[in-house]
Amino acid sequence: MHIKKGDNIIVISGASKGKTGKVIKSFPDRSMVIIEGVNVRKKHQRPQRSNQKGQVIEKANPIHASNVAIADPANGKPSRIGIKIVGEKRVRVTKKSGSSL
């Protein structure tokens, strides 16, 4: 999967199209990522104890990795990812500007 934890991304399709955020968690086996502030849903939670009140919590739900693209660090636009070998290491680079991630 081309998206990793900590990447800055842009949503390119779906209800949250155009929103940007940072990846909180990725699920490579399901090809999904959780992004802070994107695809937030409200969940009504019952009281856990007898002296506690019920509440409404906001939770970020996963979004499919095909619906997001890496934000290019040079210009902030969506870009695809490539691999460049620098010395002995593999480095992820953006296709638009060639800057490393």
PDB file of N, CA and C in Angstrom:
ATOM      1  N   MET A   1       0.843  -1.181   0.000  1.00  0.00           N
ATOM      2  CA  MET A   1       0.000   0.000   0.000  1.00  0.00           C
ATOM      3  C   MET A   1       0.885   1.239   0.000  1.00  0.00           C
ATOM      4  N   HIS A   2       0.501   2.269  -0.750  1.00  0.00           N
ATOM      5  CA  HIS A   2       1.348   3.437  -0.945  1.00  0.00           C
ATOM      6  C   HIS A   2       1.193   4.496   0.149  1.00  0.00           C
ATOM      7  N   ILE A   3       0.212   4.355   1.031  1.00  0.00           N
ATOM      8  CA  ILE A   3      -0.016   5.323   2.103  1.00  0.00           C
ATOM      9  C   ILE A   3       0.496   4.735   3.409  1.00  0.00           C
ATOM     10  N   LYS A   4       1.222   5.554   4.177  1.00  0.00           N
ATOM     11  CA  LYS A   4       1.755   5.100   5.459  1.00  0.00           C
ATOM     12  C   LYS A   4       1.344   6.060   6.563  1.00  0.00           C
ATOM     13  N   LYS A   5       1.476   5.621   7.801  1.00  0.00           N
ATOM     14  CA  LYS A   5       1.138   6.443   8.961  1.00  0.00           C
ATOM     15  C   LYS A   5       2.012   7.698   8.978  1.00  0.00           C
ATOM     16  N   GLY A   6       1.375   8.851   9.214  1.00  0.00           N
ATOM     17  CA  GLY A   6       2.098  10.115   9.274  1.00  0.00           C
ATOM     18  C   GLY A   6       2.135  10.885   7.968  1.00  0.00           C
ATOM     19  N   ASP A   7       1.667  10.301   6.868  1.00  0.00           N
ATOM     20  CA  ASP A   7       1.646  10.991   5.573  1.00  0.00           C
ATOM     21  C   ASP A   7       0.561  12.061   5.555  1.00  0.00           C
ATOM     22  N   ASN A   8       0.835  13.159   4.869  1.00  0.00           N
ATOM     23  CA  ASN A   8      -0.185  14.171   4.613  1.00  0.00           C
ATOM     24  C   ASN A   8      -0.857  13.815   3.302  1.00  0.00           C
ATOM     25  N   ILE A   9      -2.188  13.738   3.327  1.00  0.00           N
ATOM     26  CA  ILE A   9      -2.920  13.277   2.162  1.00  0.00           C
ATOM     27  C   ILE A   9      -4.034  14.246   1.785  1.00  0.00           C
ATOM     28  N   ILE A  10      -4.567  14.045   0.575  1.00  0.00           N
ATOM     29  CA  ILE A  10      -5.724  14.767   0.069  1.00  0.00           C
ATOM     30  C   ILE A  10      -6.734  13.720  -0.392  1.00  0.00           C
ATOM     31  N   VAL A  11      -8.001  13.897   0.000  1.00  0.00           N
ATOM     32  CA  VAL A  11      -9.063  12.986  -0.435  1.00  0.00           C
ATOM     33  C   VAL A  11      -9.454  13.388  -1.853  1.00  0.00           C
ATOM     34  N   ILE A  12      -9.400  12.432  -2.798  1.00  0.00           N
ATOM     35  CA  ILE A  12      -9.639  12.754  -4.204  1.00  0.00           C
ATOM     36  C   ILE A  12     -11.010  12.321  -4.700  1.00  0.00           C
ATOM     37  N   SER A  13     -11.764  11.544  -3.900  1.00  0.00           N
ATOM     38  CA  SER A  13     -13.114  11.168  -4.306  1.00  0.00           C
ATOM     39  C   SER A  13     -13.932  10.818  -3.080  1.00  0.00           C
ATOM     40  N   GLY A  14     -15.245  10.879  -3.244  1.00  0.00           N
ATOM     41  CA  GLY A  14     -16.146  10.543  -2.153  1.00  0.00           C
ATOM     42  C   GLY A  14     -16.752  11.780  -1.519  1.00  0.00           C
ATOM     43  N   ALA A  15     -17.440  11.584  -0.406  1.00  0.00           N
ATOM     44  CA  ALA A  15     -18.151  12.670   0.263  1.00  0.00           C
ATOM     45  C   ALA A  15     -17.196  13.705   0.850  1.00  0.00           C
ATOM     46  N   SER A  16     -15.992  13.298   1.205  1.00  0.00           N
ATOM     47  CA  SER A  16     -15.013  14.201   1.814  1.00  0.00           C
ATOM     48  C   SER A  16     -14.000  14.731   0.804  1.00  0.00           C
ATOM     49  N   LYS A  17     -14.364  14.764  -0.472  1.00  0.00           N
ATOM     50  CA  LYS A  17     -13.434  15.164  -1.533  1.00  0.00           C
ATOM     51  C   LYS A  17     -12.873  16.565  -1.274  1.00  0.00           C
ATOM     52  N   GLY A  18     -11.549  16.693  -1.423  1.00  0.00           N
ATOM     53  CA  GLY A  18     -10.881  17.969  -1.259  1.00  0.00           C
ATOM     54  C   GLY A  18     -10.317  18.208   0.128  1.00  0.00           C
ATOM     55  N   LYS A  19     -10.714  17.408   1.114  1.00  0.00           N
ATOM     56  CA  LYS A  19     -10.211  17.590   2.471  1.00  0.00           C
ATOM     57  C   LYS A  19      -8.794  17.046   2.581  1.00  0.00           C
ATOM     58  N   THR A  20      -8.008  17.657   3.455  1.00  0.00           N
ATOM     59  CA  THR A  20      -6.644  17.209   3.694  1.00  0.00           C
ATOM     60  C   THR A  20      -6.495  16.816   5.150  1.00  0.00           C
ATOM     61  N   GLY A  21      -5.503  16.005   5.427  1.00  0.00           N
ATOM     62  CA  GLY A  21      -5.255  15.594   6.801  1.00  0.00           C
ATOM     63  C   GLY A  21      -4.052  14.680   6.884  1.00  0.00           C
ATOM     64  N   LYS A  22      -3.767  14.271   8.108  1.00  0.00           N
ATOM     65  CA  LYS A  22      -2.631  13.401   8.384  1.00  0.00           C
ATOM     66  C   LYS A  22      -3.150  12.007   8.704  1.00  0.00           C
ATOM     67  N   VAL A  23      -2.467  10.986   8.211  1.00  0.00           N
ATOM     68  CA  VAL A  23      -2.885   9.608   8.434  1.00  0.00           C
ATOM     69  C   VAL A  23      -2.571   9.225   9.880  1.00  0.00           C
ATOM     70  N   ILE A  24      -3.611   8.807  10.603  1.00  0.00           N
ATOM     71  CA  ILE A  24      -3.451   8.378  11.990  1.00  0.00           C
ATOM     72  C   ILE A  24      -3.081   6.905  12.058  1.00  0.00           C
ATOM     73  N   LYS A  25      -3.772   6.098  11.231  1.00  0.00           N
ATOM     74  CA  LYS A  25      -3.557   4.654  11.253  1.00  0.00           C
ATOM     75  C   LYS A  25      -3.845   4.097   9.877  1.00  0.00           C
ATOM     76  N   SER A  26      -3.105   3.067   9.488  1.00  0.00           N
ATOM     77  CA  SER A  26      -3.355   2.424   8.197  1.00  0.00           C
ATOM     78  C   SER A  26      -3.603   0.934   8.411  1.00  0.00           C
ATOM     79  N   PHE A  27      -4.446   0.378   7.564  1.00  0.00           N
ATOM     80  CA  PHE A  27      -4.780  -1.038   7.587  1.00  0.00           C
ATOM     81  C   PHE A  27      -4.413  -1.627   6.235  1.00  0.00           C
ATOM     82  N   PRO A  28      -3.154  -2.076   6.045  1.00  0.00           N
ATOM     83  CA  PRO A  28      -2.717  -2.574   4.740  1.00  0.00           C
ATOM     84  C   PRO A  28      -3.478  -3.810   4.266  1.00  0.00           C
ATOM     85  N   ASP A  29      -3.927  -4.659   5.176  1.00  0.00           N
ATOM     86  CA  ASP A  29      -4.652  -5.858   4.765  1.00  0.00           C
ATOM     87  C   ASP A  29      -6.016  -5.527   4.170  1.00  0.00           C
ATOM     88  N   ARG A  30      -6.638  -4.415   4.614  1.00  0.00           N
ATOM     89  CA  ARG A  30      -7.934  -3.987   4.086  1.00  0.00           C
ATOM     90  C   ARG A  30      -7.805  -2.829   3.110  1.00  0.00           C
ATOM     91  N   SER A  31      -6.601  -2.309   2.899  1.00  0.00           N
ATOM     92  CA  SER A  31      -6.334  -1.151   2.037  1.00  0.00           C
ATOM     93  C   SER A  31      -7.134   0.072   2.481  1.00  0.00           C
ATOM     94  N   MET A  32      -7.152   0.326   3.778  1.00  0.00           N
ATOM     95  CA  MET A  32      -7.887   1.462   4.315  1.00  0.00           C
ATOM     96  C   MET A  32      -6.990   2.270   5.248  1.00  0.00           C
ATOM     97  N   VAL A  33      -7.322   3.562   5.372  1.00  0.00           N
ATOM     98  CA  VAL A  33      -6.575   4.455   6.260  1.00  0.00           C
ATOM     99  C   VAL A  33      -7.556   5.303   7.063  1.00  0.00           C
ATOM    100  N   ILE A  34      -7.121   5.718   8.254  1.00  0.00           N
ATOM    101  CA  ILE A  34      -7.894   6.650   9.073  1.00  0.00           C
ATOM    102  C   ILE A  34      -7.152   7.976   9.056  1.00  0.00           C
ATOM    103  N   ILE A  35      -7.876   9.052   8.709  1.00  0.00           N
ATOM    104  CA  ILE A  35      -7.288  10.381   8.590  1.00  0.00           C
ATOM    105  C   ILE A  35      -7.957  11.286   9.604  1.00  0.00           C
ATOM    106  N   GLU A  36      -7.148  12.099  10.290  1.00  0.00           N
ATOM    107  CA  GLU A  36      -7.720  12.971  11.307  1.00  0.00           C
ATOM    108  C   GLU A  36      -8.589  14.050  10.663  1.00  0.00           C
ATOM    109  N   GLY A  37      -9.814  14.188  11.162  1.00  0.00           N
ATOM    110  CA  GLY A  37     -10.737  15.204  10.684  1.00  0.00           C
ATOM    111  C   GLY A  37     -11.464  14.876   9.394  1.00  0.00           C
ATOM    112  N   VAL A  38     -11.283  13.674   8.853  1.00  0.00           N
ATOM    113  CA  VAL A  38     -11.935  13.279   7.607  1.00  0.00           C
ATOM    114  C   VAL A  38     -12.795  12.053   7.875  1.00  0.00           C
ATOM    115  N   ASN A  39     -13.996  12.023   7.283  1.00  0.00           N
ATOM    116  CA  ASN A  39     -14.939  10.923   7.438  1.00  0.00           C
ATOM    117  C   ASN A  39     -15.313  10.703   8.907  1.00  0.00           C
ATOM    118  N   VAL A  40     -15.617  11.803   9.592  1.00  0.00           N
ATOM    119  CA  VAL A  40     -15.962  11.755  11.012  1.00  0.00           C
ATOM    120  C   VAL A  40     -17.452  11.463  11.147  1.00  0.00           C
ATOM    121  N   ARG A  41     -17.790  10.493  11.969  1.00  0.00           N
ATOM    122  CA  ARG A  41     -19.166  10.107  12.234  1.00  0.00           C
ATOM    123  C   ARG A  41     -19.462  10.282  13.724  1.00  0.00           C
ATOM    124  N   LYS A  42     -20.739  10.539  14.033  1.00  0.00           N
ATOM    125  CA  LYS A  42     -21.164  10.646  15.425  1.00  0.00           C
ATOM    126  C   LYS A  42     -21.714   9.300  15.872  1.00  0.00           C
ATOM    127  N   LYS A  43     -21.298   8.871  17.064  1.00  0.00           N
ATOM    128  CA  LYS A  43     -21.745   7.598  17.602  1.00  0.00           C
ATOM    129  C   LYS A  43     -22.402   7.853  18.954  1.00  0.00           C
ATOM    130  N   HIS A  44     -23.615   7.357  19.112  1.00  0.00           N
ATOM    131  CA  HIS A  44     -24.320   7.492  20.383  1.00  0.00           C
ATOM    132  C   HIS A  44     -23.891   6.338  21.276  1.00  0.00           C
ATOM    133  N   GLN A  45     -23.355   6.690  22.444  1.00  0.00           N
ATOM    134  CA  GLN A  45     -22.805   5.677  23.333  1.00  0.00           C
ATOM    135  C   GLN A  45     -23.659   5.586  24.589  1.00  0.00           C
ATOM    136  N   ARG A  46     -24.002   4.385  24.968  1.00  0.00           N
ATOM    137  CA  ARG A  46     -24.792   4.159  26.172  1.00  0.00           C
ATOM    138  C   ARG A  46     -23.924   4.360  27.402  1.00  0.00           C
ATOM    139  N   PRO A  47     -24.544   4.642  28.542  1.00  0.00           N
ATOM    140  CA  PRO A  47     -23.741   4.773  29.769  1.00  0.00           C
ATOM    141  C   PRO A  47     -23.113   3.434  30.155  1.00  0.00           C
ATOM    142  N   GLN A  48     -21.854   3.473  30.549  1.00  0.00           N
ATOM    143  CA  GLN A  48     -21.147   2.245  30.914  1.00  0.00           C
ATOM    144  C   GLN A  48     -21.446   1.834  32.360  1.00  0.00           C
ATOM    145  N   ARG A  49     -21.638   2.815  33.239  1.00  0.00           N
ATOM    146  CA  ARG A  49     -21.948   2.537  34.647  1.00  0.00           C
ATOM    147  C   ARG A  49     -23.296   3.168  34.980  1.00  0.00           C
ATOM    148  N   SER A  50     -23.826   2.813  36.118  1.00  0.00           N
ATOM    149  CA  SER A  50     -25.153   3.318  36.478  1.00  0.00           C
ATOM    150  C   SER A  50     -25.149   4.813  36.795  1.00  0.00           C
ATOM    151  N   ASN A  51     -24.018   5.364  37.246  1.00  0.00           N
ATOM    152  CA  ASN A  51     -23.964   6.784  37.596  1.00  0.00           C
ATOM    153  C   ASN A  51     -23.429   7.650  36.448  1.00  0.00           C
ATOM    154  N   GLN A  52     -23.248   7.084  35.299  1.00  0.00           N
ATOM    155  CA  GLN A  52     -22.697   7.804  34.149  1.00  0.00           C
ATOM    156  C   GLN A  52     -23.804   8.122  33.146  1.00  0.00           C
ATOM    157  N   LYS A  53     -23.643   9.242  32.410  1.00  0.00           N
ATOM    158  CA  LYS A  53     -24.617   9.621  31.392  1.00  0.00           C
ATOM    159  C   LYS A  53     -24.186   9.081  30.027  1.00  0.00           C
ATOM    160  N   GLY A  54     -25.170   8.897  29.169  1.00  0.00           N
ATOM    161  CA  GLY A  54     -24.867   8.553  27.790  1.00  0.00           C
ATOM    162  C   GLY A  54     -24.300   9.770  27.078  1.00  0.00           C
ATOM    163  N   GLN A  55     -23.587   9.547  25.989  1.00  0.00           N
ATOM    164  CA  GLN A  55     -22.961  10.663  25.294  1.00  0.00           C
ATOM    165  C   GLN A  55     -22.851  10.387  23.800  1.00  0.00           C
ATOM    166  N   VAL A  56     -22.586  11.449  23.063  1.00  0.00           N
ATOM    167  CA  VAL A  56     -22.373  11.347  21.635  1.00  0.00           C
ATOM    168  C   VAL A  56     -20.896  11.628  21.390  1.00  0.00           C
ATOM    169  N   ILE A  57     -20.187  10.662  20.809  1.00  0.00           N
ATOM    170  CA  ILE A  57     -18.766  10.843  20.532  1.00  0.00           C
ATOM    171  C   ILE A  57     -18.547  10.903  19.025  1.00  0.00           C
ATOM    172  N   GLU A  58     -17.538  11.648  18.613  1.00  0.00           N
ATOM    173  CA  GLU A  58     -17.184  11.724  17.194  1.00  0.00           C
ATOM    174  C   GLU A  58     -16.000  10.813  16.942  1.00  0.00           C
ATOM    175  N   LYS A  59     -16.117   9.998  15.912  1.00  0.00           N
ATOM    176  CA  LYS A  59     -15.095   8.999  15.621  1.00  0.00           C
ATOM    177  C   LYS A  59     -14.735   9.068  14.143  1.00  0.00           C
ATOM    178  N   ALA A  60     -13.444   9.063  13.829  1.00  0.00           N
ATOM    179  CA  ALA A  60     -12.985   9.056  12.440  1.00  0.00           C
ATOM    180  C   ALA A  60     -13.041   7.622  11.920  1.00  0.00           C
ATOM    181  N   ASN A  61     -13.770   7.419  10.856  1.00  0.00           N
ATOM    182  CA  ASN A  61     -13.905   6.100  10.248  1.00  0.00           C
ATOM    183  C   ASN A  61     -12.896   5.926   9.124  1.00  0.00           C
ATOM    184  N   PRO A  62     -12.556   4.674   8.796  1.00  0.00           N
ATOM    185  CA  PRO A  62     -11.591   4.434   7.718  1.00  0.00           C
ATOM    186  C   PRO A  62     -12.135   4.834   6.353  1.00  0.00           C
ATOM    187  N   ILE A  63     -11.215   5.175   5.467  1.00  0.00           N
ATOM    188  CA  ILE A  63     -11.535   5.496   4.085  1.00  0.00           C
ATOM    189  C   ILE A  63     -10.596   4.657   3.215  1.00  0.00           C
ATOM    190  N   HIS A  64     -11.061   4.219   2.059  1.00  0.00           N
ATOM    191  CA  HIS A  64     -10.257   3.336   1.215  1.00  0.00           C
ATOM    192  C   HIS A  64      -9.051   4.089   0.651  1.00  0.00           C
ATOM    193  N   ALA A  65      -7.934   3.400   0.545  1.00  0.00           N
ATOM    194  CA  ALA A  65      -6.681   4.017   0.102  1.00  0.00           C
ATOM    195  C   ALA A  65      -6.740   4.484  -1.348  1.00  0.00           C
ATOM    196  N   SER A  66      -7.630   3.917  -2.155  1.00  0.00           N
ATOM    197  CA  SER A  66      -7.737   4.352  -3.544  1.00  0.00           C
ATOM    198  C   SER A  66      -8.410   5.711  -3.664  1.00  0.00           C
ATOM    199  N   ASN A  67      -9.057   6.182  -2.607  1.00  0.00           N
ATOM    200  CA  ASN A  67      -9.747   7.461  -2.620  1.00  0.00           C
ATOM    201  C   ASN A  67      -8.890   8.603  -2.092  1.00  0.00           C
ATOM    202  N   VAL A  68      -7.634   8.331  -1.772  1.00  0.00           N
ATOM    203  CA  VAL A  68      -6.743   9.371  -1.256  1.00  0.00           C
ATOM    204  C   VAL A  68      -5.452   9.391  -2.071  1.00  0.00           C
ATOM    205  N   ALA A  69      -4.783  10.545  -2.048  1.00  0.00           N
ATOM    206  CA  ALA A  69      -3.489  10.690  -2.719  1.00  0.00           C
ATOM    207  C   ALA A  69      -2.569  11.483  -1.802  1.00  0.00           C
ATOM    208  N   ILE A  70      -1.280  11.232  -1.923  1.00  0.00           N
ATOM    209  CA  ILE A  70      -0.278  11.947  -1.135  1.00  0.00           C
ATOM    210  C   ILE A  70      -0.258  13.411  -1.557  1.00  0.00           C
ATOM    211  N   ALA A  71      -0.189  14.310  -0.570  1.00  0.00           N
ATOM    212  CA  ALA A  71      -0.030  15.738  -0.862  1.00  0.00           C
ATOM    213  C   ALA A  71       1.449  15.999  -1.110  1.00  0.00           C
ATOM    214  N   ASP A  72       1.769  16.533  -2.272  1.00  0.00           N
ATOM    215  CA  ASP A  72       3.153  16.824  -2.633  1.00  0.00           C
ATOM    216  C   ASP A  72       3.708  17.893  -1.697  1.00  0.00           C
ATOM    217  N   PRO A  73       4.836  17.633  -1.008  1.00  0.00           N
ATOM    218  CA  PRO A  73       5.386  18.624  -0.080  1.00  0.00           C
ATOM    219  C   PRO A  73       5.792  19.932  -0.762  1.00  0.00           C
ATOM    220  N   ALA A  74       6.117  19.886  -2.056  1.00  0.00           N
ATOM    221  CA  ALA A  74       6.568  21.087  -2.756  1.00  0.00           C
ATOM    222  C   ALA A  74       5.424  22.060  -3.037  1.00  0.00           C
ATOM    223  N   ASN A  75       4.267  21.531  -3.482  1.00  0.00           N
ATOM    224  CA  ASN A  75       3.181  22.442  -3.859  1.00  0.00           C
ATOM    225  C   ASN A  75       1.838  22.116  -3.230  1.00  0.00           C
ATOM    226  N   GLY A  76       1.716  21.027  -2.472  1.00  0.00           N
ATOM    227  CA  GLY A  76       0.476  20.701  -1.779  1.00  0.00           C
ATOM    228  C   GLY A  76      -0.590  20.061  -2.635  1.00  0.00           C
ATOM    229  N   LYS A  77      -0.289  19.740  -3.884  1.00  0.00           N
ATOM    230  CA  LYS A  77      -1.256  19.120  -4.778  1.00  0.00           C
ATOM    231  C   LYS A  77      -1.138  17.597  -4.698  1.00  0.00           C
ATOM    232  N   PRO A  78      -2.203  16.869  -5.090  1.00  0.00           N
ATOM    233  CA  PRO A  78      -2.126  15.413  -5.049  1.00  0.00           C
ATOM    234  C   PRO A  78      -1.097  14.873  -6.038  1.00  0.00           C
ATOM    235  N   SER A  79      -0.382  13.836  -5.609  1.00  0.00           N
ATOM    236  CA  SER A  79       0.651  13.250  -6.447  1.00  0.00           C
ATOM    237  C   SER A  79       0.708  11.747  -6.221  1.00  0.00           C
ATOM    238  N   ARG A  80       1.228  11.033  -7.214  1.00  0.00           N
ATOM    239  CA  ARG A  80       1.466   9.607  -7.050  1.00  0.00           C
ATOM    240  C   ARG A  80       2.855   9.401  -6.462  1.00  0.00           C
ATOM    241  N   ILE A  81       3.141   8.168  -6.087  1.00  0.00           N
ATOM    242  CA  ILE A  81       4.384   7.844  -5.392  1.00  0.00           C
ATOM    243  C   ILE A  81       5.247   6.934  -6.253  1.00  0.00           C
ATOM    244  N   GLY A  82       6.556   7.177  -6.229  1.00  0.00           N
ATOM    245  CA  GLY A  82       7.520   6.312  -6.882  1.00  0.00           C
ATOM    246  C   GLY A  82       8.621   5.947  -5.905  1.00  0.00           C
ATOM    247  N   ILE A  83       9.456   5.016  -6.274  1.00  0.00           N
ATOM    248  CA  ILE A  83      10.559   4.572  -5.427  1.00  0.00           C
ATOM    249  C   ILE A  83      11.866   4.917  -6.120  1.00  0.00           C
ATOM    250  N   LYS A  84      12.784   5.534  -5.376  1.00  0.00           N
ATOM    251  CA  LYS A  84      14.117   5.839  -5.891  1.00  0.00           C
ATOM    252  C   LYS A  84      15.129   5.211  -4.935  1.00  0.00           C
ATOM    253  N   ILE A  85      16.154   4.607  -5.486  1.00  0.00           N
ATOM    254  CA  ILE A  85      17.179   3.991  -4.654  1.00  0.00           C
ATOM    255  C   ILE A  85      18.311   4.986  -4.464  1.00  0.00           C
ATOM    256  N   VAL A  86      18.536   5.358  -3.197  1.00  0.00           N
ATOM    257  CA  VAL A  86      19.602   6.298  -2.848  1.00  0.00           C
ATOM    258  C   VAL A  86      20.588   5.526  -1.979  1.00  0.00           C
ATOM    259  N   GLY A  87      21.754   5.235  -2.530  1.00  0.00           N
ATOM    260  CA  GLY A  87      22.730   4.420  -1.811  1.00  0.00           C
ATOM    261  C   GLY A  87      22.198   3.003  -1.659  1.00  0.00           C
ATOM    262  N   GLU A  88      21.978   2.575  -0.439  1.00  0.00           N
ATOM    263  CA  GLU A  88      21.428   1.256  -0.158  1.00  0.00           C
ATOM    264  C   GLU A  88      19.949   1.315   0.217  1.00  0.00           C
ATOM    265  N   LYS A  89      19.390   2.527   0.355  1.00  0.00           N
ATOM    266  CA  LYS A  89      18.028   2.663   0.845  1.00  0.00           C
ATOM    267  C   LYS A  89      17.050   2.950  -0.284  1.00  0.00           C
ATOM    268  N   ARG A  90      15.809   2.491  -0.081  1.00  0.00           N
ATOM    269  CA  ARG A  90      14.710   2.817  -0.988  1.00  0.00           C
ATOM    270  C   ARG A  90      13.976   4.017  -0.404  1.00  0.00           C
ATOM    271  N   VAL A  91      13.823   5.054  -1.196  1.00  0.00           N
ATOM    272  CA  VAL A  91      13.198   6.288  -0.739  1.00  0.00           C
ATOM    273  C   VAL A  91      11.938   6.530  -1.562  1.00  0.00           C
ATOM    274  N   ARG A  92      10.841   6.891  -0.890  1.00  0.00           N
ATOM    275  CA  ARG A  92       9.608   7.231  -1.599  1.00  0.00           C
ATOM    276  C   ARG A  92       9.700   8.669  -2.103  1.00  0.00           C
ATOM    277  N   VAL A  93       9.389   8.863  -3.365  1.00  0.00           N
ATOM    278  CA  VAL A  93       9.431  10.203  -3.975  1.00  0.00           C
ATOM    279  C   VAL A  93       8.095  10.454  -4.671  1.00  0.00           C
ATOM    280  N   THR A  94       7.750  11.732  -4.803  1.00  0.00           N
ATOM    281  CA  THR A  94       6.521  12.082  -5.506  1.00  0.00           C
ATOM    282  C   THR A  94       6.808  12.168  -7.001  1.00  0.00           C
ATOM    283  N   LYS A  95       5.815  11.805  -7.806  1.00  0.00           N
ATOM    284  CA  LYS A  95       5.987  11.804  -9.252  1.00  0.00           C
ATOM    285  C   LYS A  95       5.961  13.206  -9.832  1.00  0.00           C
ATOM    286  N   LYS A  96       5.195  14.135  -9.219  1.00  0.00           N
ATOM    287  CA  LYS A  96       5.062  15.483  -9.785  1.00  0.00           C
ATOM    288  C   LYS A  96       6.327  16.290  -9.649  1.00  0.00           C
ATOM    289  N   SER A  97       6.876  16.372  -8.432  1.00  0.00           N
ATOM    290  CA  SER A  97       8.041  17.250  -8.230  1.00  0.00           C
ATOM    291  C   SER A  97       9.323  16.464  -7.976  1.00  0.00           C
ATOM    292  N   GLY A  98       9.233  15.198  -7.664  1.00  0.00           N
ATOM    293  CA  GLY A  98      10.435  14.410  -7.390  1.00  0.00           C
ATOM    294  C   GLY A  98      10.969  14.573  -5.981  1.00  0.00           C
ATOM    295  N   SER A  99      10.253  15.287  -5.120  1.00  0.00           N
ATOM    296  CA  SER A  99      10.722  15.487  -3.751  1.00  0.00           C
ATOM    297  C   SER A  99      10.483  14.225  -2.928  1.00  0.00           C
ATOM    298  N   SER A 100      11.363  13.965  -1.988  1.00  0.00           N
ATOM    299  CA  SER A 100      11.278  12.757  -1.181  1.00  0.00           C
ATOM    300  C   SER A 100      10.326  12.976  -0.010  1.00  0.00           C
ATOM    301  N   LEU A 101       9.779  11.862   0.473  1.00  0.00           N
ATOM    302  CA  LEU A 101       8.834  11.919   1.591  1.00  0.00           C
ATOM    303  C   LEU A 101       9.502  11.529   2.881  1.00  0.00           C
TER     304      LEU A 101
END
